[in-house]
N, C-alpha and C. Protein backbone atom coordinates (compact mmCIF):
# COMPACT_ATOMS: atom_id res chain seq x y z
N MET A 1 -23.89 -2.59 -15.54
CA MET A 1 -22.54 -3.05 -15.25
C MET A 1 -21.55 -1.90 -15.30
N GLY A 2 -21.63 -1.03 -16.33
CA GLY A 2 -20.70 0.10 -16.45
C GLY A 2 -20.83 1.05 -15.27
N ALA A 3 -22.07 1.33 -14.83
CA ALA A 3 -22.28 2.23 -13.68
C ALA A 3 -21.74 1.61 -12.41
N ALA A 4 -21.93 0.30 -12.26
CA ALA A 4 -21.43 -0.38 -11.07
C ALA A 4 -19.91 -0.36 -11.04
N LEU A 5 -19.26 -0.58 -12.19
CA LEU A 5 -17.81 -0.53 -12.26
C LEU A 5 -17.31 0.87 -11.94
N ALA A 6 -17.96 1.90 -12.47
CA ALA A 6 -17.58 3.28 -12.17
C ALA A 6 -17.73 3.55 -10.68
N CYS A 7 -18.80 3.04 -10.09
CA CYS A 7 -19.01 3.22 -8.65
C CYS A 7 -17.89 2.55 -7.87
N MET A 8 -17.47 1.35 -8.29
CA MET A 8 -16.40 0.65 -7.61
C MET A 8 -15.09 1.42 -7.72
N LEU A 9 -14.79 1.96 -8.87
CA LEU A 9 -13.55 2.70 -9.04
C LEU A 9 -13.52 3.95 -8.17
N VAL A 10 -14.66 4.57 -8.00
CA VAL A 10 -14.71 5.78 -7.19
C VAL A 10 -14.69 5.48 -5.71
N THR A 11 -15.34 4.40 -5.29
CA THR A 11 -15.48 4.17 -3.86
C THR A 11 -14.76 2.93 -3.34
N VAL A 12 -14.06 2.22 -4.16
CA VAL A 12 -13.34 1.02 -3.77
C VAL A 12 -14.26 0.02 -3.08
N GLY A 13 -15.29 -0.38 -3.77
CA GLY A 13 -16.09 -1.46 -3.22
C GLY A 13 -17.57 -1.30 -3.41
N MET A 14 -18.25 -2.40 -3.29
CA MET A 14 -19.70 -2.41 -3.32
C MET A 14 -20.14 -3.29 -2.17
N ASP A 15 -21.32 -3.01 -1.66
CA ASP A 15 -21.81 -3.90 -0.61
C ASP A 15 -22.48 -5.11 -1.27
N GLY A 16 -22.96 -6.04 -0.49
CA GLY A 16 -23.52 -7.28 -1.02
C GLY A 16 -24.74 -7.09 -1.90
N SER A 17 -25.46 -5.98 -1.77
CA SER A 17 -26.66 -5.76 -2.56
C SER A 17 -26.36 -5.22 -3.94
N GLY A 18 -25.10 -4.88 -4.22
CA GLY A 18 -24.77 -4.29 -5.51
C GLY A 18 -24.81 -2.78 -5.49
N ALA A 19 -25.22 -2.18 -4.37
CA ALA A 19 -25.26 -0.72 -4.28
C ALA A 19 -23.87 -0.20 -3.91
N CYS A 20 -23.62 1.03 -4.27
CA CYS A 20 -22.33 1.62 -3.94
C CYS A 20 -22.14 1.69 -2.44
N ASN A 21 -20.98 1.34 -1.98
CA ASN A 21 -20.64 1.42 -0.57
C ASN A 21 -19.68 2.59 -0.42
N THR A 22 -20.19 3.72 0.03
CA THR A 22 -19.39 4.94 0.08
C THR A 22 -18.62 5.10 1.38
N THR A 23 -18.57 4.06 2.21
CA THR A 23 -17.83 4.18 3.45
C THR A 23 -16.34 3.92 3.26
N HIS A 24 -15.94 3.40 2.11
CA HIS A 24 -14.54 3.14 1.84
C HIS A 24 -13.94 4.30 1.06
N ALA A 25 -12.72 4.65 1.39
CA ALA A 25 -12.04 5.73 0.69
C ALA A 25 -11.06 5.15 -0.33
N VAL A 26 -10.95 5.82 -1.44
CA VAL A 26 -9.96 5.46 -2.45
C VAL A 26 -8.60 5.87 -1.92
N ARG A 27 -7.64 4.95 -1.96
CA ARG A 27 -6.27 5.24 -1.51
C ARG A 27 -5.43 5.55 -2.74
N GLU A 28 -4.73 6.66 -2.69
CA GLU A 28 -3.83 7.05 -3.78
C GLU A 28 -2.46 7.33 -3.21
N SER A 29 -1.45 6.73 -3.79
CA SER A 29 -0.07 7.02 -3.43
C SER A 29 0.56 7.73 -4.62
N LEU A 30 0.93 8.97 -4.42
CA LEU A 30 1.54 9.75 -5.50
C LEU A 30 3.03 9.45 -5.55
N PRO A 31 3.65 9.62 -6.72
CA PRO A 31 5.09 9.36 -6.83
C PRO A 31 5.90 10.27 -5.90
N GLN A 32 6.98 9.72 -5.38
CA GLN A 32 7.89 10.50 -4.52
C GLN A 32 8.45 11.67 -5.32
N ARG A 33 8.52 12.82 -4.66
CA ARG A 33 9.08 14.00 -5.32
C ARG A 33 10.30 14.48 -4.56
N GLU A 34 11.34 14.85 -5.31
CA GLU A 34 12.58 15.35 -4.71
C GLU A 34 12.70 16.83 -4.97
N LEU A 35 13.16 17.54 -3.95
CA LEU A 35 13.33 18.99 -4.05
C LEU A 35 14.75 19.35 -3.63
N ALA A 36 15.35 20.27 -4.36
CA ALA A 36 16.64 20.82 -3.96
C ALA A 36 16.35 22.16 -3.29
N PHE A 37 17.02 22.42 -2.17
CA PHE A 37 16.77 23.65 -1.42
C PHE A 37 18.10 24.30 -1.08
N GLU A 38 18.31 25.50 -1.59
CA GLU A 38 19.50 26.28 -1.27
C GLU A 38 19.27 26.91 0.09
N LEU A 39 19.97 26.41 1.08
CA LEU A 39 19.75 26.79 2.47
C LEU A 39 20.41 28.13 2.78
N PRO A 40 19.63 29.14 3.16
CA PRO A 40 20.23 30.42 3.54
C PRO A 40 20.92 30.33 4.90
N GLU A 41 21.82 31.23 5.16
CA GLU A 41 22.49 31.27 6.47
C GLU A 41 21.43 31.40 7.56
N GLY A 42 21.50 30.59 8.59
CA GLY A 42 20.53 30.64 9.67
C GLY A 42 19.30 29.79 9.43
N GLY A 43 19.21 29.14 8.27
CA GLY A 43 18.06 28.28 7.97
C GLY A 43 17.00 28.99 7.16
N GLY A 44 16.01 28.24 6.72
CA GLY A 44 14.94 28.83 5.93
C GLY A 44 13.76 27.90 5.79
N TRP A 45 12.73 28.41 5.13
CA TRP A 45 11.48 27.68 4.93
C TRP A 45 11.45 27.12 3.52
N VAL A 46 11.02 25.89 3.39
CA VAL A 46 10.82 25.27 2.09
C VAL A 46 9.35 24.85 1.98
N ALA A 47 8.76 25.12 0.82
CA ALA A 47 7.37 24.75 0.58
C ALA A 47 7.32 23.40 -0.11
N LEU A 48 6.63 22.45 0.50
CA LEU A 48 6.44 21.14 -0.11
C LEU A 48 5.23 21.23 -1.04
N PRO A 49 5.38 20.81 -2.28
CA PRO A 49 4.31 21.00 -3.26
C PRO A 49 3.20 19.94 -3.19
N TRP A 50 2.52 19.90 -2.04
CA TRP A 50 1.44 18.93 -1.91
C TRP A 50 0.28 19.32 -2.80
N THR A 51 -0.70 18.43 -2.96
CA THR A 51 -1.73 18.61 -3.97
C THR A 51 -3.08 19.08 -3.43
N LEU A 52 -3.13 19.64 -2.24
CA LEU A 52 -4.42 20.04 -1.66
C LEU A 52 -5.18 21.05 -2.51
N ALA A 53 -4.49 21.91 -3.22
CA ALA A 53 -5.16 22.93 -4.02
C ALA A 53 -5.93 22.32 -5.19
N ARG A 54 -5.61 21.11 -5.60
CA ARG A 54 -6.27 20.46 -6.73
C ARG A 54 -7.57 19.78 -6.36
N HIS A 55 -7.90 19.75 -5.09
CA HIS A 55 -9.09 19.05 -4.63
C HIS A 55 -10.24 20.03 -4.40
N PRO A 56 -11.48 19.53 -4.34
CA PRO A 56 -12.62 20.41 -4.10
C PRO A 56 -12.49 21.15 -2.76
N GLU A 57 -13.19 22.27 -2.67
CA GLU A 57 -13.20 23.06 -1.44
C GLU A 57 -13.62 22.19 -0.27
N GLY A 58 -12.98 22.40 0.85
CA GLY A 58 -13.31 21.65 2.05
C GLY A 58 -12.14 21.66 3.01
N THR A 59 -12.08 20.62 3.82
CA THR A 59 -11.03 20.49 4.82
C THR A 59 -10.49 19.07 4.77
N ALA A 60 -9.18 18.95 4.85
CA ALA A 60 -8.53 17.64 4.89
C ALA A 60 -7.96 17.38 6.28
N GLN A 61 -8.02 16.14 6.71
CA GLN A 61 -7.35 15.70 7.94
C GLN A 61 -5.97 15.22 7.52
N VAL A 62 -4.92 15.84 8.06
CA VAL A 62 -3.56 15.59 7.59
C VAL A 62 -2.72 14.94 8.68
N MET A 63 -1.91 13.96 8.28
CA MET A 63 -0.88 13.37 9.13
C MET A 63 0.44 13.64 8.42
N LEU A 64 1.40 14.20 9.15
CA LEU A 64 2.70 14.55 8.59
C LEU A 64 3.79 13.89 9.43
N GLU A 65 4.62 13.07 8.78
CA GLU A 65 5.75 12.45 9.46
C GLU A 65 7.00 13.22 9.06
N THR A 66 7.74 13.68 10.08
CA THR A 66 8.92 14.51 9.85
C THR A 66 10.13 13.94 10.59
N PRO A 67 11.33 14.34 10.16
CA PRO A 67 12.51 14.02 10.97
C PRO A 67 12.40 14.73 12.32
N ALA A 68 12.71 14.03 13.40
CA ALA A 68 12.58 14.61 14.74
C ALA A 68 13.45 15.84 14.93
N GLU A 69 14.63 15.88 14.30
CA GLU A 69 15.54 17.00 14.54
C GLU A 69 15.01 18.33 13.99
N LEU A 70 13.99 18.31 13.16
CA LEU A 70 13.43 19.56 12.64
C LEU A 70 12.54 20.27 13.64
N ASN A 71 12.01 19.55 14.61
CA ASN A 71 11.12 20.13 15.60
C ASN A 71 9.99 20.90 14.92
N PHE A 72 9.30 20.23 14.00
CA PHE A 72 8.23 20.84 13.21
C PHE A 72 7.18 21.52 14.08
N HIS A 73 6.84 20.88 15.18
CA HIS A 73 5.79 21.42 16.06
C HIS A 73 6.15 22.82 16.57
N GLN A 74 7.42 23.03 16.89
CA GLN A 74 7.86 24.33 17.38
C GLN A 74 7.72 25.42 16.31
N HIS A 75 7.85 25.05 15.05
CA HIS A 75 7.82 26.03 13.96
C HIS A 75 6.50 26.03 13.20
N SER A 76 5.42 25.62 13.85
CA SER A 76 4.14 25.50 13.14
C SER A 76 3.09 26.50 13.63
N ALA A 77 3.52 27.64 14.14
CA ALA A 77 2.56 28.63 14.64
C ALA A 77 1.59 29.09 13.55
N HIS A 78 2.03 29.00 12.28
CA HIS A 78 1.16 29.39 11.17
C HIS A 78 0.06 28.36 10.90
N MET A 79 0.08 27.25 11.64
CA MET A 79 -0.92 26.19 11.50
C MET A 79 -1.53 25.92 12.87
N PRO A 80 -2.60 26.63 13.23
CA PRO A 80 -3.12 26.55 14.60
C PRO A 80 -3.64 25.19 15.04
N THR A 81 -3.96 24.29 14.12
CA THR A 81 -4.53 23.00 14.54
C THR A 81 -3.48 21.91 14.70
N VAL A 82 -2.20 22.22 14.53
CA VAL A 82 -1.16 21.18 14.60
C VAL A 82 -1.06 20.59 16.00
N GLN A 83 -1.03 19.27 16.06
CA GLN A 83 -0.81 18.55 17.31
C GLN A 83 0.31 17.54 17.09
N LEU A 84 1.23 17.48 18.02
CA LEU A 84 2.26 16.45 18.00
C LEU A 84 1.62 15.16 18.49
N VAL A 85 1.58 14.14 17.64
CA VAL A 85 0.96 12.87 18.00
C VAL A 85 1.95 11.99 18.73
N SER A 86 3.15 11.84 18.17
CA SER A 86 4.16 11.01 18.80
C SER A 86 5.52 11.23 18.15
N CYS A 87 6.56 10.86 18.88
CA CYS A 87 7.92 10.81 18.36
C CYS A 87 8.50 9.47 18.75
N GLU A 88 8.99 8.75 17.77
CA GLU A 88 9.63 7.46 18.02
C GLU A 88 10.93 7.44 17.25
N GLY A 89 12.03 7.29 17.97
CA GLY A 89 13.32 7.27 17.32
C GLY A 89 13.61 8.61 16.65
N GLU A 90 13.87 8.55 15.36
CA GLU A 90 14.24 9.76 14.62
C GLU A 90 13.08 10.37 13.86
N ARG A 91 11.84 9.91 14.08
CA ARG A 91 10.68 10.40 13.34
C ARG A 91 9.61 10.89 14.30
N CYS A 92 8.90 11.95 13.89
CA CYS A 92 7.76 12.46 14.65
C CYS A 92 6.54 12.51 13.76
N LEU A 93 5.38 12.31 14.35
CA LEU A 93 4.11 12.34 13.64
C LEU A 93 3.28 13.50 14.15
N HIS A 94 2.78 14.31 13.21
CA HIS A 94 1.97 15.48 13.54
C HIS A 94 0.62 15.33 12.85
N GLN A 95 -0.42 15.88 13.47
CA GLN A 95 -1.76 15.82 12.92
C GLN A 95 -2.33 17.23 12.88
N PHE A 96 -3.05 17.57 11.80
CA PHE A 96 -3.69 18.87 11.70
C PHE A 96 -4.74 18.86 10.60
N THR A 97 -5.54 19.90 10.55
CA THR A 97 -6.49 20.07 9.45
C THR A 97 -5.97 21.17 8.54
N ALA A 98 -6.34 21.07 7.27
CA ALA A 98 -5.90 22.07 6.30
C ALA A 98 -6.99 22.27 5.26
N PRO A 99 -7.19 23.52 4.83
CA PRO A 99 -8.19 23.77 3.79
C PRO A 99 -7.73 23.22 2.45
N THR A 100 -8.69 22.81 1.62
CA THR A 100 -8.39 22.31 0.29
C THR A 100 -8.94 23.28 -0.75
N GLY A 101 -8.69 23.00 -2.02
CA GLY A 101 -9.17 23.86 -3.09
C GLY A 101 -8.41 25.18 -3.12
N LYS A 102 -9.10 26.24 -3.53
CA LYS A 102 -8.42 27.53 -3.69
C LYS A 102 -7.97 28.12 -2.36
N GLU A 103 -8.48 27.62 -1.24
CA GLU A 103 -8.08 28.09 0.09
C GLU A 103 -6.81 27.39 0.59
N ALA A 104 -6.36 26.36 -0.12
CA ALA A 104 -5.19 25.59 0.32
C ALA A 104 -3.94 26.46 0.31
N GLU A 105 -3.09 26.24 1.29
CA GLU A 105 -1.82 26.94 1.38
C GLU A 105 -0.69 25.94 1.25
N PRO A 106 0.48 26.38 0.82
CA PRO A 106 1.61 25.45 0.75
C PRO A 106 1.95 24.90 2.13
N LEU A 107 2.44 23.68 2.15
CA LEU A 107 2.93 23.08 3.39
C LEU A 107 4.38 23.51 3.54
N ARG A 108 4.65 24.34 4.53
CA ARG A 108 6.00 24.88 4.72
C ARG A 108 6.66 24.22 5.92
N VAL A 109 7.94 23.87 5.74
CA VAL A 109 8.72 23.30 6.83
C VAL A 109 10.02 24.10 6.96
N ARG A 110 10.49 24.23 8.18
CA ARG A 110 11.71 24.99 8.44
C ARG A 110 12.89 24.03 8.55
N ILE A 111 13.94 24.34 7.78
CA ILE A 111 15.16 23.53 7.79
C ILE A 111 16.32 24.46 8.15
N ALA A 112 17.13 24.05 9.13
CA ALA A 112 18.25 24.89 9.59
C ALA A 112 19.61 24.37 9.14
N ASP A 113 19.73 23.07 8.87
CA ASP A 113 21.03 22.49 8.56
C ASP A 113 21.00 21.75 7.22
N PRO A 114 22.13 21.72 6.53
CA PRO A 114 22.21 20.94 5.29
C PRO A 114 21.92 19.46 5.58
N GLY A 115 21.37 18.77 4.60
CA GLY A 115 21.10 17.35 4.77
C GLY A 115 19.99 16.88 3.86
N ARG A 116 19.63 15.62 4.04
CA ARG A 116 18.54 14.98 3.28
C ARG A 116 17.40 14.75 4.26
N TYR A 117 16.23 15.26 3.93
CA TYR A 117 15.07 15.20 4.82
C TYR A 117 13.90 14.55 4.07
N VAL A 118 13.27 13.57 4.72
CA VAL A 118 12.13 12.88 4.11
C VAL A 118 10.87 13.25 4.89
N PHE A 119 9.84 13.65 4.15
CA PHE A 119 8.54 14.02 4.73
C PHE A 119 7.48 13.13 4.11
N ASN A 120 6.72 12.44 4.94
CA ASN A 120 5.60 11.62 4.48
C ASN A 120 4.32 12.32 4.89
N VAL A 121 3.48 12.61 3.91
CA VAL A 121 2.23 13.32 4.15
C VAL A 121 1.08 12.40 3.75
N SER A 122 0.10 12.29 4.62
CA SER A 122 -1.08 11.49 4.35
C SER A 122 -2.28 12.35 4.71
N TYR A 123 -3.21 12.49 3.77
CA TYR A 123 -4.40 13.27 4.12
C TYR A 123 -5.66 12.64 3.57
N ALA A 124 -6.72 12.84 4.35
CA ALA A 124 -8.01 12.24 4.02
C ALA A 124 -8.99 13.34 3.64
N LEU A 125 -9.64 13.11 2.52
CA LEU A 125 -10.74 13.94 2.05
C LEU A 125 -11.98 13.05 2.07
N LYS A 126 -13.11 13.56 1.69
CA LYS A 126 -14.37 12.81 1.81
C LYS A 126 -14.26 11.34 1.40
N ALA A 127 -13.92 11.05 0.16
CA ALA A 127 -13.86 9.66 -0.29
C ALA A 127 -12.47 9.29 -0.80
N ARG A 128 -11.46 10.04 -0.40
CA ARG A 128 -10.10 9.78 -0.88
C ARG A 128 -9.11 9.86 0.27
N HIS A 129 -8.08 9.05 0.16
CA HIS A 129 -6.98 9.08 1.12
C HIS A 129 -5.71 9.14 0.27
N ILE A 130 -4.97 10.22 0.40
CA ILE A 130 -3.82 10.47 -0.48
C ILE A 130 -2.54 10.45 0.34
N GLU A 131 -1.52 9.81 -0.21
CA GLU A 131 -0.21 9.75 0.43
C GLU A 131 0.82 10.34 -0.51
N GLU A 132 1.65 11.23 0.04
CA GLU A 132 2.71 11.87 -0.73
C GLU A 132 4.00 11.81 0.07
N THR A 133 5.11 11.64 -0.62
CA THR A 133 6.43 11.65 0.01
C THR A 133 7.29 12.69 -0.68
N PHE A 134 7.96 13.50 0.13
CA PHE A 134 8.86 14.53 -0.38
C PHE A 134 10.25 14.30 0.21
N VAL A 135 11.27 14.36 -0.63
CA VAL A 135 12.65 14.26 -0.18
C VAL A 135 13.30 15.61 -0.49
N VAL A 136 13.75 16.28 0.56
CA VAL A 136 14.37 17.60 0.40
C VAL A 136 15.87 17.45 0.62
N ARG A 137 16.64 17.92 -0.32
CA ARG A 137 18.11 17.97 -0.18
C ARG A 137 18.48 19.43 0.03
N ALA A 138 18.83 19.73 1.27
CA ALA A 138 19.19 21.10 1.63
C ALA A 138 20.71 21.24 1.57
N VAL A 139 21.17 22.22 0.78
CA VAL A 139 22.61 22.44 0.62
C VAL A 139 22.92 23.92 0.81
N ARG A 140 24.18 24.19 1.18
CA ARG A 140 24.64 25.59 1.26
C ARG A 140 25.57 25.87 0.14
């Protein structure tokens, strides 16, 4: 019973035979984090403190929702796998892969104007799906 419960906690489910069903990913929503950013003249880069470095070595599939006015896709040359998935209204969705573990790099976004910016990040690892939200308050 204890092993089965541990298996359920890790994989969110069991199949009908009682064996672990590893096709389901554990969903984790981390608490929203707020960042203050002193905006330099002409704009600047802010690093969002996502948690990819805390995970085992590998690659994560990432979805990033950004404010449309930031034009994240234009400023993502440092991330060669970035693809603009869609823009609807004031939000855009981007998809890319990113290394995890010690190879992970900070998620950097370019902000040019003062304001409040919300970034929703969702990434999938082998048996986990993690969601993080960052609110950046950029001031001069």
